[in-house]
PDB file of all heavy atoms in Angstrom:
ATOM      1  N   HIS A   1     -18.292   5.637  -7.527  1.00  0.00           N
ATOM      2  CA  HIS A   1     -19.718   6.001  -7.658  1.00  0.00           C
ATOM      3  C   HIS A   1     -20.507   5.683  -6.408  1.00  0.00           C
ATOM      4  O   HIS A   1     -21.598   5.137  -6.454  1.00  0.00           O
ATOM      5  CB  HIS A   1     -20.347   5.323  -8.881  1.00  0.00           C
ATOM      6  CG  HIS A   1     -19.683   5.686 -10.165  1.00  0.00           C
ATOM      7  ND1 HIS A   1     -19.644   6.988 -10.651  1.00  0.00           N
ATOM      8  CD2 HIS A   1     -18.986   4.930 -11.086  1.00  0.00           C
ATOM      9  CE1 HIS A   1     -18.999   7.020 -11.801  1.00  0.00           C
ATOM     10  NE2 HIS A   1     -18.575   5.796 -12.069  1.00  0.00           N
ATOM     11  N   GLY A   2     -19.899   5.956  -5.225  1.00  0.00           N
ATOM     12  CA  GLY A   2     -20.596   5.784  -3.967  1.00  0.00           C
ATOM     13  C   GLY A   2     -20.658   4.322  -3.495  1.00  0.00           C
ATOM     14  O   GLY A   2     -21.352   4.076  -2.475  1.00  0.00           O
ATOM     15  N   GLN A   3     -19.969   3.438  -4.127  1.00  0.00           N
ATOM     16  CA  GLN A   3     -19.965   2.023  -3.727  1.00  0.00           C
ATOM     17  C   GLN A   3     -18.581   1.589  -3.406  1.00  0.00           C
ATOM     18  O   GLN A   3     -17.588   1.908  -4.071  1.00  0.00           O
ATOM     19  CB  GLN A   3     -20.486   1.136  -4.875  1.00  0.00           C
ATOM     20  CG  GLN A   3     -21.916   1.444  -5.311  1.00  0.00           C
ATOM     21  CD  GLN A   3     -22.963   1.091  -4.268  1.00  0.00           C
ATOM     22  OE1 GLN A   3     -22.764   0.123  -3.529  1.00  0.00           O
ATOM     23  NE2 GLN A   3     -24.024   1.866  -4.194  1.00  0.00           N
ATOM     24  N   LEU A   4     -18.433   0.846  -2.269  1.00  0.00           N
ATOM     25  CA  LEU A   4     -17.125   0.312  -1.913  1.00  0.00           C
ATOM     26  C   LEU A   4     -16.601  -0.650  -2.993  1.00  0.00           C
ATOM     27  O   LEU A   4     -17.389  -1.479  -3.510  1.00  0.00           O
ATOM     28  CB  LEU A   4     -17.201  -0.430  -0.574  1.00  0.00           C
ATOM     29  CG  LEU A   4     -17.201   0.420   0.684  1.00  0.00           C
ATOM     30  CD1 LEU A   4     -17.433  -0.450   1.897  1.00  0.00           C
ATOM     31  CD2 LEU A   4     -15.859   1.181   0.816  1.00  0.00           C
ATOM     32  N   LEU A   5     -15.357  -0.506  -3.332  1.00  0.00           N
ATOM     33  CA  LEU A   5     -14.718  -1.436  -4.226  1.00  0.00           C
ATOM     34  C   LEU A   5     -14.160  -2.595  -3.433  1.00  0.00           C
ATOM     35  O   LEU A   5     -13.334  -2.383  -2.551  1.00  0.00           O
ATOM     36  CB  LEU A   5     -13.596  -0.723  -4.991  1.00  0.00           C
ATOM     37  CG  LEU A   5     -12.949  -1.475  -6.139  1.00  0.00           C
ATOM     38  CD1 LEU A   5     -13.956  -1.804  -7.282  1.00  0.00           C
ATOM     39  CD2 LEU A   5     -11.755  -0.690  -6.693  1.00  0.00           C
ATOM     40  N   LEU A   6     -14.609  -3.796  -3.733  1.00  0.00           N
ATOM     41  CA  LEU A   6     -14.227  -5.003  -2.999  1.00  0.00           C
ATOM     42  C   LEU A   6     -13.609  -6.015  -3.941  1.00  0.00           C
ATOM     43  O   LEU A   6     -14.179  -6.333  -4.982  1.00  0.00           O
ATOM     44  CB  LEU A   6     -15.419  -5.595  -2.280  1.00  0.00           C
ATOM     45  CG  LEU A   6     -16.193  -4.691  -1.312  1.00  0.00           C
ATOM     46  CD1 LEU A   6     -17.440  -5.356  -0.781  1.00  0.00           C
ATOM     47  CD2 LEU A   6     -15.259  -4.299  -0.169  1.00  0.00           C
ATOM     48  N   GLY A   7     -12.474  -6.529  -3.587  1.00  0.00           N
ATOM     49  CA  GLY A   7     -11.755  -7.513  -4.449  1.00  0.00           C
ATOM     50  C   GLY A   7     -11.818  -8.910  -3.828  1.00  0.00           C
ATOM     51  O   GLY A   7     -12.362  -9.111  -2.746  1.00  0.00           O
ATOM     52  N   PRO A   8     -11.316  -9.895  -4.581  1.00  0.00           N
ATOM     53  CA  PRO A   8     -11.458 -11.270  -4.154  1.00  0.00           C
ATOM     54  C   PRO A   8     -10.655 -11.639  -2.876  1.00  0.00           C
ATOM     55  O   PRO A   8     -10.952 -12.630  -2.218  1.00  0.00           O
ATOM     56  CB  PRO A   8     -10.888 -12.080  -5.358  1.00  0.00           C
ATOM     57  CG  PRO A   8      -9.965 -11.136  -6.028  1.00  0.00           C
ATOM     58  CD  PRO A   8     -10.587  -9.760  -5.838  1.00  0.00           C
ATOM     59  N   ASN A   9      -9.657 -10.831  -2.547  1.00  0.00           N
ATOM     60  CA  ASN A   9      -8.862 -11.088  -1.384  1.00  0.00           C
ATOM     61  C   ASN A   9      -9.248 -10.262  -0.163  1.00  0.00           C
ATOM     62  O   ASN A   9      -8.656 -10.410   0.914  1.00  0.00           O
ATOM     63  CB  ASN A   9      -7.368 -10.868  -1.680  1.00  0.00           C
ATOM     64  CG  ASN A   9      -6.858 -11.670  -2.870  1.00  0.00           C
ATOM     65  OD1 ASN A   9      -6.993 -12.902  -2.851  1.00  0.00           O
ATOM     66  ND2 ASN A   9      -6.381 -11.007  -3.890  1.00  0.00           N
ATOM     67  N   ALA A  10     -10.249  -9.375  -0.358  1.00  0.00           N
ATOM     68  CA  ALA A  10     -10.748  -8.529   0.710  1.00  0.00           C
ATOM     69  C   ALA A  10      -9.652  -7.643   1.285  1.00  0.00           C
ATOM     70  O   ALA A  10      -9.596  -7.427   2.534  1.00  0.00           O
ATOM     71  CB  ALA A  10     -11.436  -9.321   1.825  1.00  0.00           C
ATOM     72  N   ILE A  11      -8.753  -7.118   0.452  1.00  0.00           N
ATOM     73  CA  ILE A  11      -7.703  -6.247   0.941  1.00  0.00           C
ATOM     74  C   ILE A  11      -7.651  -4.946   0.124  1.00  0.00           C
ATOM     75  O   ILE A  11      -6.616  -4.253   0.135  1.00  0.00           O
ATOM     76  CB  ILE A  11      -6.324  -6.969   0.877  1.00  0.00           C
ATOM     77  CG1 ILE A  11      -6.017  -7.476  -0.517  1.00  0.00           C
ATOM     78  CG2 ILE A  11      -6.223  -8.070   1.883  1.00  0.00           C
ATOM     79  CD1 ILE A  11      -4.549  -7.938  -0.698  1.00  0.00           C
ATOM     80  N   THR A  12      -8.724  -4.596  -0.568  1.00  0.00           N
ATOM     81  CA  THR A  12      -8.728  -3.366  -1.331  1.00  0.00           C
ATOM     82  C   THR A  12      -8.344  -2.183  -0.502  1.00  0.00           C
ATOM     83  O   THR A  12      -8.862  -1.959   0.601  1.00  0.00           O
ATOM     84  CB  THR A  12     -10.151  -3.133  -1.922  1.00  0.00           C
ATOM     85  OG1 THR A  12     -10.525  -4.268  -2.700  1.00  0.00           O
ATOM     86  CG2 THR A  12     -10.153  -1.916  -2.831  1.00  0.00           C
ATOM     87  N   GLY A  13      -7.410  -1.373  -0.998  1.00  0.00           N
ATOM     88  CA  GLY A  13      -6.991  -0.121  -0.327  1.00  0.00           C
ATOM     89  C   GLY A  13      -5.892  -0.338   0.709  1.00  0.00           C
ATOM     90  O   GLY A  13      -5.477   0.671   1.322  1.00  0.00           O
ATOM     91  N   GLU A  14      -5.343  -1.510   0.840  1.00  0.00           N
ATOM     92  CA  GLU A  14      -4.333  -1.713   1.859  1.00  0.00           C
ATOM     93  C   GLU A  14      -2.970  -1.213   1.369  1.00  0.00           C
ATOM     94  O   GLU A  14      -1.992  -1.962   1.184  1.00  0.00           O
ATOM     95  CB  GLU A  14      -4.235  -3.218   2.229  1.00  0.00           C
ATOM     96  CG  GLU A  14      -5.402  -3.684   3.105  1.00  0.00           C
ATOM     97  CD  GLU A  14      -5.338  -3.162   4.524  1.00  0.00           C
ATOM     98  OE1 GLU A  14      -4.439  -2.384   4.851  1.00  0.00           O
ATOM     99  OE2 GLU A  14      -6.230  -3.502   5.313  1.00  0.00           O
ATOM    100  N   TRP A  15      -2.896   0.078   1.199  1.00  0.00           N
ATOM    101  CA  TRP A  15      -1.666   0.691   0.667  1.00  0.00           C
ATOM    102  C   TRP A  15      -0.533   0.707   1.649  1.00  0.00           C
ATOM    103  O   TRP A  15       0.623   0.730   1.318  1.00  0.00           O
ATOM    104  CB  TRP A  15      -1.979   2.148   0.177  1.00  0.00           C
ATOM    105  CG  TRP A  15      -2.181   3.082   1.311  1.00  0.00           C
ATOM    106  CD1 TRP A  15      -3.000   2.969   2.379  1.00  0.00           C
ATOM    107  CD2 TRP A  15      -1.479   4.343   1.471  1.00  0.00           C
ATOM    108  NE1 TRP A  15      -2.913   4.108   3.202  1.00  0.00           N
ATOM    109  CE2 TRP A  15      -2.006   4.943   2.648  1.00  0.00           C
ATOM    110  CE3 TRP A  15      -0.543   5.039   0.749  1.00  0.00           C
ATOM    111  CZ2 TRP A  15      -1.534   6.162   3.122  1.00  0.00           C
ATOM    112  CZ3 TRP A  15      -0.100   6.254   1.193  1.00  0.00           C
ATOM    113  CH2 TRP A  15      -0.602   6.824   2.379  1.00  0.00           C
ATOM    114  N   GLY A  16      -0.882   0.625   2.969  1.00  0.00           N
ATOM    115  CA  GLY A  16       0.105   0.766   4.021  1.00  0.00           C
ATOM    116  C   GLY A  16       1.099  -0.367   4.082  1.00  0.00           C
ATOM    117  O   GLY A  16       2.162  -0.208   4.752  1.00  0.00           O
ATOM    118  N   HIS A  17       0.828  -1.497   3.454  1.00  0.00           N
ATOM    119  CA  HIS A  17       1.750  -2.622   3.488  1.00  0.00           C
ATOM    120  C   HIS A  17       2.356  -2.843   2.102  1.00  0.00           C
ATOM    121  O   HIS A  17       2.643  -4.015   1.716  1.00  0.00           O
ATOM    122  CB  HIS A  17       1.085  -3.869   4.068  1.00  0.00           C
ATOM    123  CG  HIS A  17       0.786  -3.668   5.533  1.00  0.00           C
ATOM    124  ND1 HIS A  17       1.721  -3.742   6.478  1.00  0.00           N
ATOM    125  CD2 HIS A  17      -0.375  -3.300   6.141  1.00  0.00           C
ATOM    126  CE1 HIS A  17       1.207  -3.476   7.678  1.00  0.00           C
ATOM    127  NE2 HIS A  17      -0.107  -3.197   7.490  1.00  0.00           N
ATOM    128  N   ASN A  18       2.597  -1.770   1.414  1.00  0.00           N
ATOM    129  CA  ASN A  18       3.457  -1.702   0.236  1.00  0.00           C
ATOM    130  C   ASN A  18       4.703  -0.916   0.666  1.00  0.00           C
ATOM    131  O   ASN A  18       4.648  -0.103   1.622  1.00  0.00           O
ATOM    132  CB  ASN A  18       2.762  -0.981  -0.925  1.00  0.00           C
ATOM    133  CG  ASN A  18       1.595  -1.851  -1.444  1.00  0.00           C
ATOM    134  OD1 ASN A  18       1.807  -2.879  -2.079  1.00  0.00           O
ATOM    135  ND2 ASN A  18       0.403  -1.427  -1.199  1.00  0.00           N
ATOM    136  N   PRO A  19       5.803  -1.087  -0.070  1.00  0.00           N
ATOM    137  CA  PRO A  19       7.013  -0.316   0.293  1.00  0.00           C
ATOM    138  C   PRO A  19       6.858   1.175  -0.048  1.00  0.00           C
ATOM    139  O   PRO A  19       6.104   1.557  -0.967  1.00  0.00           O
ATOM    140  CB  PRO A  19       8.134  -0.951  -0.564  1.00  0.00           C
ATOM    141  CG  PRO A  19       7.411  -1.665  -1.646  1.00  0.00           C
ATOM    142  CD  PRO A  19       6.085  -2.066  -1.133  1.00  0.00           C
ATOM    143  N   LEU A  20       7.531   2.023   0.718  1.00  0.00           N
ATOM    144  CA  LEU A  20       7.521   3.455   0.438  1.00  0.00           C
ATOM    145  C   LEU A  20       8.107   3.686  -0.919  1.00  0.00           C
ATOM    146  O   LEU A  20       9.203   3.241  -1.238  1.00  0.00           O
ATOM    147  CB  LEU A  20       8.374   4.192   1.480  1.00  0.00           C
ATOM    148  CG  LEU A  20       8.411   5.678   1.393  1.00  0.00           C
ATOM    149  CD1 LEU A  20       7.053   6.284   1.784  1.00  0.00           C
ATOM    150  CD2 LEU A  20       9.499   6.264   2.270  1.00  0.00           C
ATOM    151  N   PRO A  21       7.379   4.399  -1.849  1.00  0.00           N
ATOM    152  CA  PRO A  21       7.896   4.604  -3.211  1.00  0.00           C
ATOM    153  C   PRO A  21       9.089   5.509  -3.232  1.00  0.00           C
ATOM    154  O   PRO A  21       9.271   6.371  -2.386  1.00  0.00           O
ATOM    155  CB  PRO A  21       6.682   5.250  -3.914  1.00  0.00           C
ATOM    156  CG  PRO A  21       5.486   4.980  -3.062  1.00  0.00           C
ATOM    157  CD  PRO A  21       6.032   4.888  -1.655  1.00  0.00           C
ATOM    158  N   TRP A  22       9.894   5.332  -4.266  1.00  0.00           N
ATOM    159  CA  TRP A  22      11.088   6.133  -4.516  1.00  0.00           C
ATOM    160  C   TRP A  22      11.945   6.355  -3.231  1.00  0.00           C
ATOM    161  O   TRP A  22      12.169   7.520  -2.825  1.00  0.00           O
ATOM    162  CB  TRP A  22      10.695   7.501  -5.135  1.00  0.00           C
ATOM    163  CG  TRP A  22       9.921   7.358  -6.405  1.00  0.00           C
ATOM    164  CD1 TRP A  22      10.405   7.012  -7.631  1.00  0.00           C
ATOM    165  CD2 TRP A  22       8.516   7.497  -6.566  1.00  0.00           C
ATOM    166  NE1 TRP A  22       9.403   6.954  -8.540  1.00  0.00           N
ATOM    167  CE2 TRP A  22       8.222   7.274  -7.960  1.00  0.00           C
ATOM    168  CE3 TRP A  22       7.478   7.843  -5.726  1.00  0.00           C
ATOM    169  CZ2 TRP A  22       6.937   7.339  -8.452  1.00  0.00           C
ATOM    170  CZ3 TRP A  22       6.209   7.908  -6.229  1.00  0.00           C
ATOM    171  CH2 TRP A  22       5.902   7.690  -7.582  1.00  0.00           C
ATOM    172  N   PRO A  23      12.348   5.265  -2.570  1.00  0.00           N
ATOM    173  CA  PRO A  23      13.037   5.441  -1.308  1.00  0.00           C
ATOM    174  C   PRO A  23      14.414   6.096  -1.451  1.00  0.00           C
ATOM    175  O   PRO A  23      15.114   5.827  -2.438  1.00  0.00           O
ATOM    176  CB  PRO A  23      13.163   3.964  -0.805  1.00  0.00           C
ATOM    177  CG  PRO A  23      13.131   3.160  -2.050  1.00  0.00           C
ATOM    178  CD  PRO A  23      12.223   3.836  -2.985  1.00  0.00           C
ATOM    179  N   ARG A  24      14.792   6.868  -0.461  1.00  0.00           N
ATOM    180  CA  ARG A  24      16.098   7.440  -0.367  1.00  0.00           C
ATOM    181  C   ARG A  24      17.048   6.364   0.251  1.00  0.00           C
ATOM    182  O   ARG A  24      16.600   5.468   0.928  1.00  0.00           O
ATOM    183  CB  ARG A  24      16.097   8.675   0.505  1.00  0.00           C
ATOM    184  CG  ARG A  24      14.916   9.633   0.341  1.00  0.00           C
ATOM    185  CD  ARG A  24      14.921  10.321  -1.006  1.00  0.00           C
ATOM    186  NE  ARG A  24      13.927  11.377  -1.029  1.00  0.00           N
ATOM    187  CZ  ARG A  24      13.195  11.708  -2.098  1.00  0.00           C
ATOM    188  NH1 ARG A  24      13.374  11.003  -3.210  1.00  0.00           N
ATOM    189  NH2 ARG A  24      12.349  12.703  -2.042  1.00  0.00           N
ATOM    190  N   PRO A  25      18.354   6.515   0.033  1.00  0.00           N
ATOM    191  CA  PRO A  25      19.271   5.567   0.619  1.00  0.00           C
ATOM    192  C   PRO A  25      19.126   5.400   2.122  1.00  0.00           C
ATOM    193  O   PRO A  25      19.168   4.308   2.670  1.00  0.00           O
ATOM    194  CB  PRO A  25      20.649   6.139   0.272  1.00  0.00           C
ATOM    195  CG  PRO A  25      20.406   6.911  -1.001  1.00  0.00           C
ATOM    196  CD  PRO A  25      19.051   7.477  -0.867  1.00  0.00           C
ATOM    197  N   GLU A  26      18.864   6.550   2.823  1.00  0.00           N
ATOM    198  CA  GLU A  26      18.728   6.480   4.272  1.00  0.00           C
ATOM    199  C   GLU A  26      17.403   5.847   4.747  1.00  0.00           C
ATOM    200  O   GLU A  26      17.192   5.592   5.912  1.00  0.00           O
ATOM    201  CB  GLU A  26      18.854   7.883   4.895  1.00  0.00           C
ATOM    202  CG  GLU A  26      17.741   8.863   4.491  1.00  0.00           C
ATOM    203  CD  GLU A  26      18.031   9.618   3.194  1.00  0.00           C
ATOM    204  OE1 GLU A  26      18.921   9.198   2.428  1.00  0.00           O
ATOM    205  OE2 GLU A  26      17.332  10.648   2.979  1.00  0.00           O
ATOM    206  N   GLU A  27      16.489   5.585   3.788  1.00  0.00           N
ATOM    207  CA  GLU A  27      15.203   4.953   4.091  1.00  0.00           C
ATOM    208  C   GLU A  27      15.206   3.468   3.872  1.00  0.00           C
ATOM    209  O   GLU A  27      14.180   2.806   4.098  1.00  0.00           O
ATOM    210  CB  GLU A  27      14.091   5.617   3.259  1.00  0.00           C
ATOM    211  CG  GLU A  27      13.822   7.078   3.606  1.00  0.00           C
ATOM    212  CD  GLU A  27      12.968   7.814   2.631  1.00  0.00           C
ATOM    213  OE1 GLU A  27      12.833   7.372   1.425  1.00  0.00           O
ATOM    214  OE2 GLU A  27      12.395   8.866   2.958  1.00  0.00           O
ATOM    215  N   LEU A  28      16.338   2.930   3.487  1.00  0.00           N
ATOM    216  CA  LEU A  28      16.465   1.508   3.221  1.00  0.00           C
ATOM    217  C   LEU A  28      17.266   0.834   4.312  1.00  0.00           C
ATOM    218  O   LEU A  28      18.255   1.388   4.782  1.00  0.00           O
ATOM    219  CB  LEU A  28      17.117   1.292   1.866  1.00  0.00           C
ATOM    220  CG  LEU A  28      16.289   1.783   0.641  1.00  0.00           C
ATOM    221  CD1 LEU A  28      17.135   1.698  -0.609  1.00  0.00           C
ATOM    222  CD2 LEU A  28      15.011   0.967   0.523  1.00  0.00           C
ATOM    223  N   PRO A  29      16.932  -0.338   4.722  1.00  0.00           N
ATOM    224  CA  PRO A  29      15.786  -1.172   4.311  1.00  0.00           C
ATOM    225  C   PRO A  29      14.468  -0.689   4.903  1.00  0.00           C
ATOM    226  O   PRO A  29      13.376  -1.233   4.593  1.00  0.00           O
ATOM    227  CB  PRO A  29      16.142  -2.562   4.773  1.00  0.00           C
ATOM    228  CG  PRO A  29      16.913  -2.311   6.049  1.00  0.00           C
ATOM    229  CD  PRO A  29      17.728  -1.054   5.761  1.00  0.00           C
ATOM    230  N   GLY A  30      14.501   0.293   5.816  1.00  0.00           N
ATOM    231  CA  GLY A  30      13.320   0.798   6.441  1.00  0.00           C
ATOM    232  C   GLY A  30      13.052   0.103   7.764  1.00  0.00           C
ATOM    233  O   GLY A  30      13.573  -0.977   8.061  1.00  0.00           O
ATOM    234  N   PRO A  31      12.208   0.723   8.609  1.00  0.00           N
ATOM    235  CA  PRO A  31      11.857   0.141   9.929  1.00  0.00           C
ATOM    236  C   PRO A  31      11.153  -1.191   9.780  1.00  0.00           C
ATOM    237  O   PRO A  31      10.441  -1.450   8.756  1.00  0.00           O
ATOM    238  CB  PRO A  31      10.938   1.193  10.548  1.00  0.00           C
ATOM    239  CG  PRO A  31      11.226   2.460   9.793  1.00  0.00           C
ATOM    240  CD  PRO A  31      11.563   2.061   8.421  1.00  0.00           C
TER     241      PRO A  31
END
């Protein structure tokens, strides 16, 4: 609703430091 969502750890939206979903064998362990 036009407002930033902020959590207690100040990391809301940091999707880039989660593992790639449904990885293929050749994507493991990953770079």
